[in-house]
């Protein structure tokens, strides 16, 4: 029996997500044994530095990719939004098997929605994207950086360090904490990070057997949608501290891509549509449009 080693972070959410991929592989390939290999990343070791100081350089992904390149694991399983757009030589994303709810949510100690938080309430988020959009909705709030996994952030809210925190709905639901969301943001309120809620299964480009196994669990339509969002992000050529958001949806043969940038907190938003197979080009076109609009507003 073939054994497939899946590299993953050791957090509860990462292990759950990797088990989702493992379950799909077991269902599709009954003759393959699955082994989970836990790997400690830079983001797991450093719990104090702002995420914007390292996330764009693979804060939560580089160590797993290094293990993959070294042959210590056969597959790397990632939260797709954590992956830098620059691709490591020799690796390929072989499957995008699942996407949970891509929206963001507010988790508040009192159960209050965003509009119900008192003026000056302390809201935790480590994301410049979330910060810019939350500030536009409620400029009277104190938006403060927060670190830690989903469970840790919820504990910080419950313990009184924060009045609320903004988290991904996908992470909450995957951990069985979806009921803690006191306010789920609509896309018109808070556009998500490119690929938020999606999973990516990565392997070595020259590993034909593993590529074949992973291709069987790939969601081709989802890959096209997420590909448009990622192309948008790549075209911005901005670091992880640059606030950017994107979400793609399909309507038959048409793809619609929504995008947002917020240089210096000033939100610029637009959307573009076209054939579903033109996602990367649409992403690049929308990035160009938004950067030009942002420049015009700043001049």
C-alpha atoms as a PDB file:
ATOM      1  CA  UNK A   1       0.000   0.000   0.000  1.00  0.00           C
ATOM      2  CA  UNK A   2       1.259   3.469  -0.916  1.00  0.00           C
ATOM      3  CA  UNK A   3       1.742   5.880   1.989  1.00  0.00           C
ATOM      4  CA  UNK A   4       1.233   9.585   1.405  1.00  0.00           C
ATOM      5  CA  UNK A   5       2.788  11.900   3.996  1.00  0.00           C
ATOM      6  CA  UNK A   6       0.866  15.155   4.422  1.00  0.00           C
ATOM      7  CA  UNK A   7       2.831  18.035   5.950  1.00  0.00           C
ATOM      8  CA  UNK A   8       0.843  20.419   8.124  1.00  0.00           C
ATOM      9  CA  UNK A   9       1.127  22.953  10.893  1.00  0.00           C
ATOM     10  CA  UNK A  10       0.279  21.535  14.299  1.00  0.00           C
ATOM     11  CA  UNK A  11      -2.467  24.005  15.185  1.00  0.00           C
ATOM     12  CA  UNK A  12      -5.936  22.592  15.756  1.00  0.00           C
ATOM     13  CA  UNK A  13      -7.287  24.387  12.690  1.00  0.00           C
ATOM     14  CA  UNK A  14      -4.423  23.304  10.435  1.00  0.00           C
ATOM     15  CA  UNK A  15      -4.778  19.678  11.528  1.00  0.00           C
ATOM     16  CA  UNK A  16      -8.525  19.796  10.914  1.00  0.00           C
ATOM     17  CA  UNK A  17      -7.990  21.234   7.433  1.00  0.00           C
ATOM     18  CA  UNK A  18      -5.381  18.613   6.632  1.00  0.00           C
ATOM     19  CA  UNK A  19      -7.771  15.898   7.792  1.00  0.00           C
ATOM     20  CA  UNK A  20     -10.326  17.268   5.322  1.00  0.00           C
ATOM     21  CA  UNK A  21      -7.801  16.761   2.513  1.00  0.00           C
ATOM     22  CA  UNK A  22      -6.850  13.345   3.902  1.00  0.00           C
ATOM     23  CA  UNK A  23     -10.510  12.275   3.949  1.00  0.00           C
ATOM     24  CA  UNK A  24     -10.918  13.232   0.296  1.00  0.00           C
ATOM     25  CA  UNK A  25      -7.807  11.269  -0.628  1.00  0.00           C
ATOM     26  CA  UNK A  26      -8.954   8.211   1.325  1.00  0.00           C
ATOM     27  CA  UNK A  27     -12.338   8.344  -0.390  1.00  0.00           C
ATOM     28  CA  UNK A  28     -10.819   8.697  -3.856  1.00  0.00           C
ATOM     29  CA  UNK A  29      -7.862   6.342  -3.347  1.00  0.00           C
ATOM     30  CA  UNK A  30      -8.797   3.514  -0.996  1.00  0.00           C
ATOM     31  CA  UNK A  31      -5.412   1.873  -1.563  1.00  0.00           C
ATOM     32  CA  UNK A  32      -3.441   4.842  -0.207  1.00  0.00           C
ATOM     33  CA  UNK A  33      -2.476   5.179   3.457  1.00  0.00           C
ATOM     34  CA  UNK A  34      -2.364   8.716   4.794  1.00  0.00           C
ATOM     35  CA  UNK A  35       0.100   9.939   7.425  1.00  0.00           C
ATOM     36  CA  UNK A  36       0.028  13.453   8.905  1.00  0.00           C
ATOM     37  CA  UNK A  37       3.408  15.030   9.645  1.00  0.00           C
ATOM     38  CA  UNK A  38       3.323  18.048  11.967  1.00  0.00           C
ATOM     39  CA  UNK A  39       5.778  20.849  11.139  1.00  0.00           C
ATOM     40  CA  UNK A  40       6.571  23.938  13.194  1.00  0.00           C
ATOM     41  CA  UNK A  41       6.626  27.154  11.148  1.00  0.00           C
ATOM     42  CA  UNK A  42       8.114  30.580  11.836  1.00  0.00           C
ATOM     43  CA  UNK A  43       4.640  31.856  12.671  1.00  0.00           C
ATOM     44  CA  UNK A  44       4.242  29.125  15.293  1.00  0.00           C
ATOM     45  CA  UNK A  45       7.575  29.934  16.951  1.00  0.00           C
ATOM     46  CA  UNK A  46       7.148  33.714  16.982  1.00  0.00           C
ATOM     47  CA  UNK A  47       3.907  34.683  18.719  1.00  0.00           C
ATOM     48  CA  UNK A  48       4.749  38.350  19.271  1.00  0.00           C
ATOM     49  CA  UNK A  49       5.901  39.919  15.974  1.00  0.00           C
ATOM     50  CA  UNK A  50       3.206  41.550  13.829  1.00  0.00           C
ATOM     51  CA  UNK A  51       2.027  39.125  11.168  1.00  0.00           C
ATOM     52  CA  UNK A  52       2.683  41.748   8.506  1.00  0.00           C
ATOM     53  CA  UNK A  53       6.405  41.410   9.225  1.00  0.00           C
ATOM     54  CA  UNK A  54       6.525  37.870   7.866  1.00  0.00           C
ATOM     55  CA  UNK A  55       3.299  36.475   6.449  1.00  0.00           C
ATOM     56  CA  UNK A  56       3.995  37.578   2.896  1.00  0.00           C
ATOM     57  CA  UNK A  57       7.333  35.757   2.989  1.00  0.00           C
ATOM     58  CA  UNK A  58       5.787  32.452   4.025  1.00  0.00           C
ATOM     59  CA  UNK A  59       5.329  33.046   7.733  1.00  0.00           C
ATOM     60  CA  UNK A  60       3.133  29.938   8.018  1.00  0.00           C
ATOM     61  CA  UNK A  61       4.166  28.043   4.892  1.00  0.00           C
ATOM     62  CA  UNK A  62       7.906  28.136   4.157  1.00  0.00           C
ATOM     63  CA  UNK A  63       8.912  25.460   6.668  1.00  0.00           C
ATOM     64  CA  UNK A  64       6.350  23.034   5.237  1.00  0.00           C
ATOM     65  CA  UNK A  65       7.532  23.763   1.690  1.00  0.00           C
ATOM     66  CA  UNK A  66      11.135  23.187   2.749  1.00  0.00           C
ATOM     67  CA  UNK A  67      10.156  19.789   4.181  1.00  0.00           C
ATOM     68  CA  UNK A  68       8.398  19.006   0.903  1.00  0.00           C
ATOM     69  CA  UNK A  69      11.431  19.931  -1.185  1.00  0.00           C
ATOM     70  CA  UNK A  70      13.648  17.863   1.129  1.00  0.00           C
ATOM     71  CA  UNK A  71      11.464  14.789   0.619  1.00  0.00           C
ATOM     72  CA  UNK A  72      10.366  14.663   4.258  1.00  0.00           C
ATOM     73  CA  UNK A  73       6.703  14.872   3.203  1.00  0.00           C
ATOM     74  CA  UNK A  74       4.901  14.180  -0.065  1.00  0.00           C
ATOM     75  CA  UNK A  75       2.192  16.850   0.163  1.00  0.00           C
ATOM     76  CA  UNK A  76       2.013  20.236   1.855  1.00  0.00           C
ATOM     77  CA  UNK A  77      -1.450  21.334   2.952  1.00  0.00           C
ATOM     78  CA  UNK A  78      -1.974  25.071   3.362  1.00  0.00           C
ATOM     79  CA  UNK A  79      -4.606  27.665   3.997  1.00  0.00           C
ATOM     80  CA  UNK A  80      -4.353  29.036   0.470  1.00  0.00           C
ATOM     81  CA  UNK A  81      -4.450  32.677   1.576  1.00  0.00           C
ATOM     82  CA  UNK A  82      -1.238  32.155   3.605  1.00  0.00           C
ATOM     83  CA  UNK A  83       0.810  31.245   0.517  1.00  0.00           C
ATOM     84  CA  UNK A  84       2.975  33.985  -1.019  1.00  0.00           C
ATOM     85  CA  UNK A  85       2.166  34.573  -4.685  1.00  0.00           C
ATOM     86  CA  UNK A  86       5.810  33.942  -5.652  1.00  0.00           C
ATOM     87  CA  UNK A  87       6.070  30.211  -6.307  1.00  0.00           C
ATOM     88  CA  UNK A  88       9.058  28.144  -5.072  1.00  0.00           C
ATOM     89  CA  UNK A  89      11.024  26.430  -7.811  1.00  0.00           C
ATOM     90  CA  UNK A  90      10.100  22.760  -8.114  1.00  0.00           C
ATOM     91  CA  UNK A  91       6.706  22.918  -6.360  1.00  0.00           C
ATOM     92  CA  UNK A  92       3.200  23.025  -7.804  1.00  0.00           C
ATOM     93  CA  UNK A  93      -0.268  23.485  -6.326  1.00  0.00           C
ATOM     94  CA  UNK A  94      -1.799  20.229  -7.490  1.00  0.00           C
ATOM     95  CA  UNK A  95      -5.254  20.572  -5.935  1.00  0.00           C
ATOM     96  CA  UNK A  96      -7.610  23.193  -4.574  1.00  0.00           C
ATOM     97  CA  UNK A  97     -10.087  20.741  -3.050  1.00  0.00           C
ATOM     98  CA  UNK A  98     -12.304  22.828  -0.827  1.00  0.00           C
ATOM     99  CA  UNK A  99     -13.422  26.297   0.141  1.00  0.00           C
ATOM    100  CA  UNK A 100     -15.452  27.107   3.217  1.00  0.00           C
ATOM    101  CA  UNK A 101     -17.377  30.343   3.763  1.00  0.00           C
ATOM    102  CA  UNK A 102     -14.905  33.064   2.671  1.00  0.00           C
ATOM    103  CA  UNK A 103     -16.456  35.877   4.710  1.00  0.00           C
ATOM    104  CA  UNK A 104     -15.138  37.574   7.846  1.00  0.00           C
ATOM    105  CA  UNK A 105     -16.928  37.684  11.182  1.00  0.00           C
ATOM    106  CA  UNK A 106     -16.898  39.661  14.399  1.00  0.00           C
ATOM    107  CA  UNK A 107     -16.527  37.703  17.635  1.00  0.00           C
ATOM    108  CA  UNK A 108     -17.515  39.938  20.542  1.00  0.00           C
ATOM    109  CA  UNK A 109     -17.478  39.263  24.262  1.00  0.00           C
ATOM    110  CA  UNK A 110     -21.002  40.627  24.709  1.00  0.00           C
ATOM    111  CA  UNK A 111     -22.441  39.104  21.551  1.00  0.00           C
ATOM    112  CA  UNK A 112     -22.810  42.580  20.038  1.00  0.00           C
ATOM    113  CA  UNK A 113     -22.847  43.204  16.327  1.00  0.00           C
ATOM    114  CA  UNK A 114     -20.402  45.736  14.888  1.00  0.00           C
ATOM    115  CA  UNK A 115     -22.935  48.593  15.024  1.00  0.00           C
ATOM    116  CA  UNK A 116     -23.719  47.762  18.652  1.00  0.00           C
ATOM    117  CA  UNK A 117     -20.166  48.023  19.986  1.00  0.00           C
ATOM    118  CA  UNK A 118     -19.677  51.124  22.136  1.00  0.00           C
ATOM    119  CA  UNK A 119     -17.493  53.970  20.876  1.00  0.00           C
ATOM    120  CA  UNK A 120     -13.850  53.275  21.665  1.00  0.00           C
ATOM    121  CA  UNK A 121     -14.333  49.513  21.883  1.00  0.00           C
ATOM    122  CA  UNK A 122     -11.088  47.591  21.311  1.00  0.00           C
ATOM    123  CA  UNK A 123     -11.275  45.274  18.297  1.00  0.00           C
ATOM    124  CA  UNK A 124      -8.424  42.910  17.486  1.00  0.00           C
ATOM    125  CA  UNK A 125      -7.184  42.089  14.000  1.00  0.00           C
ATOM    126  CA  UNK A 126      -3.745  41.387  12.573  1.00  0.00           C
ATOM    127  CA  UNK A 127      -4.858  42.188   9.017  1.00  0.00           C
ATOM    128  CA  UNK A 128      -4.341  45.592   7.344  1.00  0.00           C
ATOM    129  CA  UNK A 129      -7.181  44.617   4.995  1.00  0.00           C
ATOM    130  CA  UNK A 130      -9.616  44.077   7.859  1.00  0.00           C
ATOM    131  CA  UNK A 131      -8.339  47.137   9.694  1.00  0.00           C
ATOM    132  CA  UNK A 132      -8.975  49.458   6.743  1.00  0.00           C
ATOM    133  CA  UNK A 133     -12.474  48.136   6.121  1.00  0.00           C
ATOM    134  CA  UNK A 134     -13.480  48.052   9.792  1.00  0.00           C
ATOM    135  CA  UNK A 135     -12.217  51.608  10.235  1.00  0.00           C
ATOM    136  CA  UNK A 136     -14.356  52.731   7.307  1.00  0.00           C
ATOM    137  CA  UNK A 137     -17.415  51.135   8.909  1.00  0.00           C
ATOM    138  CA  UNK A 138     -16.697  52.280  12.471  1.00  0.00           C
ATOM    139  CA  UNK A 139     -13.997  54.985  12.665  1.00  0.00           C
ATOM    140  CA  UNK A 140     -14.696  55.404  16.387  1.00  0.00           C
ATOM    141  CA  UNK A 141     -13.347  51.946  17.296  1.00  0.00           C
ATOM    142  CA  UNK A 142      -9.824  51.213  18.532  1.00  0.00           C
ATOM    143  CA  UNK A 143      -8.379  48.635  16.142  1.00  0.00           C
ATOM    144  CA  UNK A 144      -5.493  46.830  17.802  1.00  0.00           C
ATOM    145  CA  UNK A 145      -3.158  44.095  16.566  1.00  0.00           C
ATOM    146  CA  UNK A 146      -3.850  40.570  17.845  1.00  0.00           C
ATOM    147  CA  UNK A 147      -1.785  37.374  17.547  1.00  0.00           C
ATOM    148  CA  UNK A 148      -2.481  33.695  18.124  1.00  0.00           C
ATOM    149  CA  UNK A 149      -4.580  30.964  16.592  1.00  0.00           C
ATOM    150  CA  UNK A 150      -8.379  31.060  16.506  1.00  0.00           C
ATOM    151  CA  UNK A 151      -8.789  29.604  19.993  1.00  0.00           C
ATOM    152  CA  UNK A 152      -6.250  32.013  21.459  1.00  0.00           C
ATOM    153  CA  UNK A 153      -7.898  35.048  19.898  1.00  0.00           C
ATOM    154  CA  UNK A 154     -11.305  34.026  21.205  1.00  0.00           C
ATOM    155  CA  UNK A 155      -9.814  33.562  24.691  1.00  0.00           C
ATOM    156  CA  UNK A 156      -8.324  37.059  24.505  1.00  0.00           C
ATOM    157  CA  UNK A 157     -11.780  38.430  23.748  1.00  0.00           C
ATOM    158  CA  UNK A 158     -13.459  36.409  26.486  1.00  0.00           C
ATOM    159  CA  UNK A 159     -10.725  37.375  28.935  1.00  0.00           C
ATOM    160  CA  UNK A 160     -11.346  41.085  28.433  1.00  0.00           C
ATOM    161  CA  UNK A 161      -8.129  41.976  26.599  1.00  0.00           C
ATOM    162  CA  UNK A 162     -10.277  42.896  23.588  1.00  0.00           C
ATOM    163  CA  UNK A 163     -13.953  43.730  23.296  1.00  0.00           C
ATOM    164  CA  UNK A 164     -14.099  41.867  19.992  1.00  0.00           C
ATOM    165  CA  UNK A 165     -11.943  40.372  17.238  1.00  0.00           C
ATOM    166  CA  UNK A 166     -12.387  39.908  13.512  1.00  0.00           C
ATOM    167  CA  UNK A 167     -11.802  36.351  12.322  1.00  0.00           C
ATOM    168  CA  UNK A 168     -12.484  34.266   9.226  1.00  0.00           C
ATOM    169  CA  UNK A 169     -15.829  32.491   9.224  1.00  0.00           C
ATOM    170  CA  UNK A 170     -14.111  29.433   7.702  1.00  0.00           C
ATOM    171  CA  UNK A 171     -11.813  28.983  10.690  1.00  0.00           C
ATOM    172  CA  UNK A 172     -14.619  29.433  13.188  1.00  0.00           C
ATOM    173  CA  UNK A 173     -16.881  26.945  11.450  1.00  0.00           C
ATOM    174  CA  UNK A 174     -14.172  24.358  10.884  1.00  0.00           C
ATOM    175  CA  UNK A 175     -13.434  24.405  14.629  1.00  0.00           C
ATOM    176  CA  UNK A 176     -17.091  24.167  15.583  1.00  0.00           C
ATOM    177  CA  UNK A 177     -17.148  27.763  16.844  1.00  0.00           C
ATOM    178  CA  UNK A 178     -19.389  29.254  14.180  1.00  0.00           C
ATOM    179  CA  UNK A 179     -21.920  30.219  16.841  1.00  0.00           C
ATOM    180  CA  UNK A 180     -19.386  32.686  18.288  1.00  0.00           C
ATOM    181  CA  UNK A 181     -19.833  34.968  15.265  1.00  0.00           C
ATOM    182  CA  UNK A 182     -21.965  37.863  16.466  1.00  0.00           C
ATOM    183  CA  UNK A 183     -21.763  39.623  13.100  1.00  0.00           C
ATOM    184  CA  UNK A 184     -20.924  38.054   9.728  1.00  0.00           C
ATOM    185  CA  UNK A 185     -19.769  40.752   7.325  1.00  0.00           C
ATOM    186  CA  UNK A 186     -21.400  40.894   3.929  1.00  0.00           C
ATOM    187  CA  UNK A 187     -19.075  41.312   0.958  1.00  0.00           C
ATOM    188  CA  UNK A 188     -20.240  44.919   0.620  1.00  0.00           C
ATOM    189  CA  UNK A 189     -19.037  45.571   4.190  1.00  0.00           C
ATOM    190  CA  UNK A 190     -15.775  43.624   4.200  1.00  0.00           C
ATOM    191  CA  UNK A 191     -14.287  41.981   1.134  1.00  0.00           C
ATOM    192  CA  UNK A 192     -12.191  38.914   2.070  1.00  0.00           C
ATOM    193  CA  UNK A 193      -8.551  38.161   1.446  1.00  0.00           C
ATOM    194  CA  UNK A 194      -7.798  36.470  -1.886  1.00  0.00           C
ATOM    195  CA  UNK A 195      -8.347  32.696  -1.487  1.00  0.00           C
ATOM    196  CA  UNK A 196      -9.759  33.059   2.038  1.00  0.00           C
ATOM    197  CA  UNK A 197     -11.410  29.819   3.136  1.00  0.00           C
ATOM    198  CA  UNK A 198      -9.737  27.770   0.398  1.00  0.00           C
ATOM    199  CA  UNK A 199      -7.250  24.947   0.898  1.00  0.00           C
ATOM    200  CA  UNK A 200      -4.226  24.237  -1.284  1.00  0.00           C
ATOM    201  CA  UNK A 201      -2.469  20.875  -1.640  1.00  0.00           C
ATOM    202  CA  UNK A 202       1.084  21.268  -2.923  1.00  0.00           C
ATOM    203  CA  UNK A 203       3.588  18.682  -4.118  1.00  0.00           C
ATOM    204  CA  UNK A 204       6.885  18.406  -5.996  1.00  0.00           C
ATOM    205  CA  UNK A 205       6.537  19.110  -9.699  1.00  0.00           C
ATOM    206  CA  UNK A 206       8.499  15.971 -10.629  1.00  0.00           C
ATOM    207  CA  UNK A 207       6.448  13.654  -8.369  1.00  0.00           C
ATOM    208  CA  UNK A 208       4.132  12.238 -11.028  1.00  0.00           C
ATOM    209  CA  UNK A 209       2.457   9.703  -8.721  1.00  0.00           C
ATOM    210  CA  UNK A 210       1.483  12.268  -6.100  1.00  0.00           C
ATOM    211  CA  UNK A 211       0.392  14.721  -8.777  1.00  0.00           C
ATOM    212  CA  UNK A 212      -1.953  12.073 -10.146  1.00  0.00           C
ATOM    213  CA  UNK A 213      -3.421  11.360  -6.699  1.00  0.00           C
ATOM    214  CA  UNK A 214      -3.991  15.031  -5.935  1.00  0.00           C
ATOM    215  CA  UNK A 215      -5.453  15.889  -9.334  1.00  0.00           C
ATOM    216  CA  UNK A 216      -8.336  13.534  -8.540  1.00  0.00           C
ATOM    217  CA  UNK A 217      -9.448  15.743  -5.620  1.00  0.00           C
ATOM    218  CA  UNK A 218      -9.005  19.077  -7.389  1.00  0.00           C
ATOM    219  CA  UNK A 219     -12.077  21.292  -7.848  1.00  0.00           C
ATOM    220  CA  UNK A 220     -11.529  22.795 -11.295  1.00  0.00           C
ATOM    221  CA  UNK A 221     -14.172  25.524 -10.959  1.00  0.00           C
ATOM    222  CA  UNK A 222     -12.911  26.563  -7.538  1.00  0.00           C
ATOM    223  CA  UNK A 223      -9.355  26.642  -8.869  1.00  0.00           C
ATOM    224  CA  UNK A 224     -10.435  29.087 -11.590  1.00  0.00           C
ATOM    225  CA  UNK A 225     -12.149  31.386  -9.099  1.00  0.00           C
ATOM    226  CA  UNK A 226      -9.312  31.370  -6.609  1.00  0.00           C
ATOM    227  CA  UNK A 227      -6.833  31.714  -9.469  1.00  0.00           C
ATOM    228  CA  UNK A 228      -8.450  35.012 -10.462  1.00  0.00           C
ATOM    229  CA  UNK A 229      -8.196  36.295  -6.884  1.00  0.00           C
ATOM    230  CA  UNK A 230      -4.555  35.231  -6.605  1.00  0.00           C
ATOM    231  CA  UNK A 231      -3.674  36.770  -9.968  1.00  0.00           C
ATOM    232  CA  UNK A 232      -5.138  40.046  -8.692  1.00  0.00           C
ATOM    233  CA  UNK A 233      -2.939  39.859  -5.590  1.00  0.00           C
ATOM    234  CA  UNK A 234       0.178  38.950  -7.560  1.00  0.00           C
ATOM    235  CA  UNK A 235      -0.356  41.837  -9.986  1.00  0.00           C
ATOM    236  CA  UNK A 236      -0.400  44.340  -7.139  1.00  0.00           C
ATOM    237  CA  UNK A 237       3.244  43.427  -6.409  1.00  0.00           C
ATOM    238  CA  UNK A 238       2.681  44.645  -2.863  1.00  0.00           C
ATOM    239  CA  UNK A 239       3.911  43.267   0.437  1.00  0.00           C
ATOM    240  CA  UNK A 240       1.740  41.667   3.089  1.00  0.00           C
ATOM    241  CA  UNK A 241       1.280  45.015   4.814  1.00  0.00           C
ATOM    242  CA  UNK A 242      -0.648  46.368   1.799  1.00  0.00           C
ATOM    243  CA  UNK A 243      -4.424  46.173   2.337  1.00  0.00           C
ATOM    244  CA  UNK A 244      -5.954  44.247  -0.565  1.00  0.00           C
ATOM    245  CA  UNK A 245      -9.043  42.086  -0.954  1.00  0.00           C
ATOM    246  CA  UNK A 246     -10.644  40.058  -3.731  1.00  0.00           C
ATOM    247  CA  UNK A 247     -13.502  37.657  -4.245  1.00  0.00           C
ATOM    248  CA  UNK A 248     -14.526  35.869  -7.449  1.00  0.00           C
ATOM    249  CA  UNK A 249     -17.869  34.279  -8.275  1.00  0.00           C
ATOM    250  CA  UNK A 250     -19.157  32.514 -11.364  1.00  0.00           C
ATOM    251  CA  UNK A 251     -22.453  32.781 -13.213  1.00  0.00           C
ATOM    252  CA  UNK A 252     -22.536  30.056 -15.835  1.00  0.00           C
ATOM    253  CA  UNK A 253     -19.734  30.899 -18.260  1.00  0.00           C
ATOM    254  CA  UNK A 254     -19.102  34.327 -16.717  1.00  0.00           C
ATOM    255  CA  UNK A 255     -16.726  35.154 -13.884  1.00  0.00           C
ATOM    256  CA  UNK A 256     -17.144  38.301 -11.802  1.00  0.00           C
ATOM    257  CA  UNK A 257     -14.206  39.500  -9.723  1.00  0.00           C
ATOM    258  CA  UNK A 258     -14.555  42.047  -6.942  1.00  0.00           C
ATOM    259  CA  UNK A 259     -11.410  43.805  -5.744  1.00  0.00           C
ATOM    260  CA  UNK A 260     -10.345  46.377  -3.183  1.00  0.00           C
ATOM    261  CA  UNK A 261      -7.168  48.181  -2.197  1.00  0.00           C
ATOM    262  CA  UNK A 262      -6.745  50.630   0.667  1.00  0.00           C
ATOM    263  CA  UNK A 263      -3.418  52.469   0.457  1.00  0.00           C
ATOM    264  CA  UNK A 264      -3.024  54.569   3.609  1.00  0.00           C
ATOM    265  CA  UNK A 265      -6.503  53.453   4.645  1.00  0.00           C
ATOM    266  CA  UNK A 266      -8.319  55.071   1.698  1.00  0.00           C
ATOM    267  CA  UNK A 267     -10.522  52.361   0.202  1.00  0.00           C
ATOM    268  CA  UNK A 268     -10.722  52.023  -3.574  1.00  0.00           C
ATOM    269  CA  UNK A 269     -13.037  49.342  -4.896  1.00  0.00           C
ATOM    270  CA  UNK A 270     -14.178  48.034  -8.276  1.00  0.00           C
ATOM    271  CA  UNK A 271     -15.194  44.862 -10.113  1.00  0.00           C
ATOM    272  CA  UNK A 272     -14.702  43.293 -13.515  1.00  0.00           C
ATOM    273  CA  UNK A 273     -16.371  40.474 -15.426  1.00  0.00           C
ATOM    274  CA  UNK A 274     -15.479  38.155 -18.271  1.00  0.00           C
ATOM    275  CA  UNK A 275     -15.249  34.508 -19.378  1.00  0.00           C
ATOM    276  CA  UNK A 276     -14.593  32.016 -16.585  1.00  0.00           C
ATOM    277  CA  UNK A 277     -11.388  30.845 -18.286  1.00  0.00           C
ATOM    278  CA  UNK A 278     -10.003  34.407 -18.337  1.00  0.00           C
ATOM    279  CA  UNK A 279      -9.625  34.651 -14.557  1.00  0.00           C
ATOM    280  CA  UNK A 280      -5.905  35.473 -14.354  1.00  0.00           C
ATOM    281  CA  UNK A 281      -6.228  38.183 -16.978  1.00  0.00           C
ATOM    282  CA  UNK A 282      -9.246  39.645 -15.191  1.00  0.00           C
ATOM    283  CA  UNK A 283      -7.292  39.673 -11.946  1.00  0.00           C
ATOM    284  CA  UNK A 284      -4.399  41.541 -13.503  1.00  0.00           C
ATOM    285  CA  UNK A 285      -6.734  44.022 -15.224  1.00  0.00           C
ATOM    286  CA  UNK A 286      -8.596  44.768 -11.998  1.00  0.00           C
ATOM    287  CA  UNK A 287      -5.358  45.272 -10.067  1.00  0.00           C
ATOM    288  CA  UNK A 288      -4.156  47.740 -12.703  1.00  0.00           C
ATOM    289  CA  UNK A 289      -7.452  49.637 -12.588  1.00  0.00           C
ATOM    290  CA  UNK A 290      -7.489  49.907  -8.805  1.00  0.00           C
ATOM    291  CA  UNK A 291      -3.867  51.042  -8.562  1.00  0.00           C
ATOM    292  CA  UNK A 292      -4.565  53.732 -11.152  1.00  0.00           C
ATOM    293  CA  UNK A 293      -7.684  54.853  -9.290  1.00  0.00           C
ATOM    294  CA  UNK A 294      -5.781  54.949  -6.008  1.00  0.00           C
ATOM    295  CA  UNK A 295      -3.041  57.034  -7.617  1.00  0.00           C
ATOM    296  CA  UNK A 296      -5.584  59.472  -9.042  1.00  0.00           C
ATOM    297  CA  UNK A 297      -7.233  59.908  -5.643  1.00  0.00           C
ATOM    298  CA  UNK A 298      -3.878  60.487  -4.008  1.00  0.00           C
ATOM    299  CA  UNK A 299      -2.765  63.119  -6.496  1.00  0.00           C
END
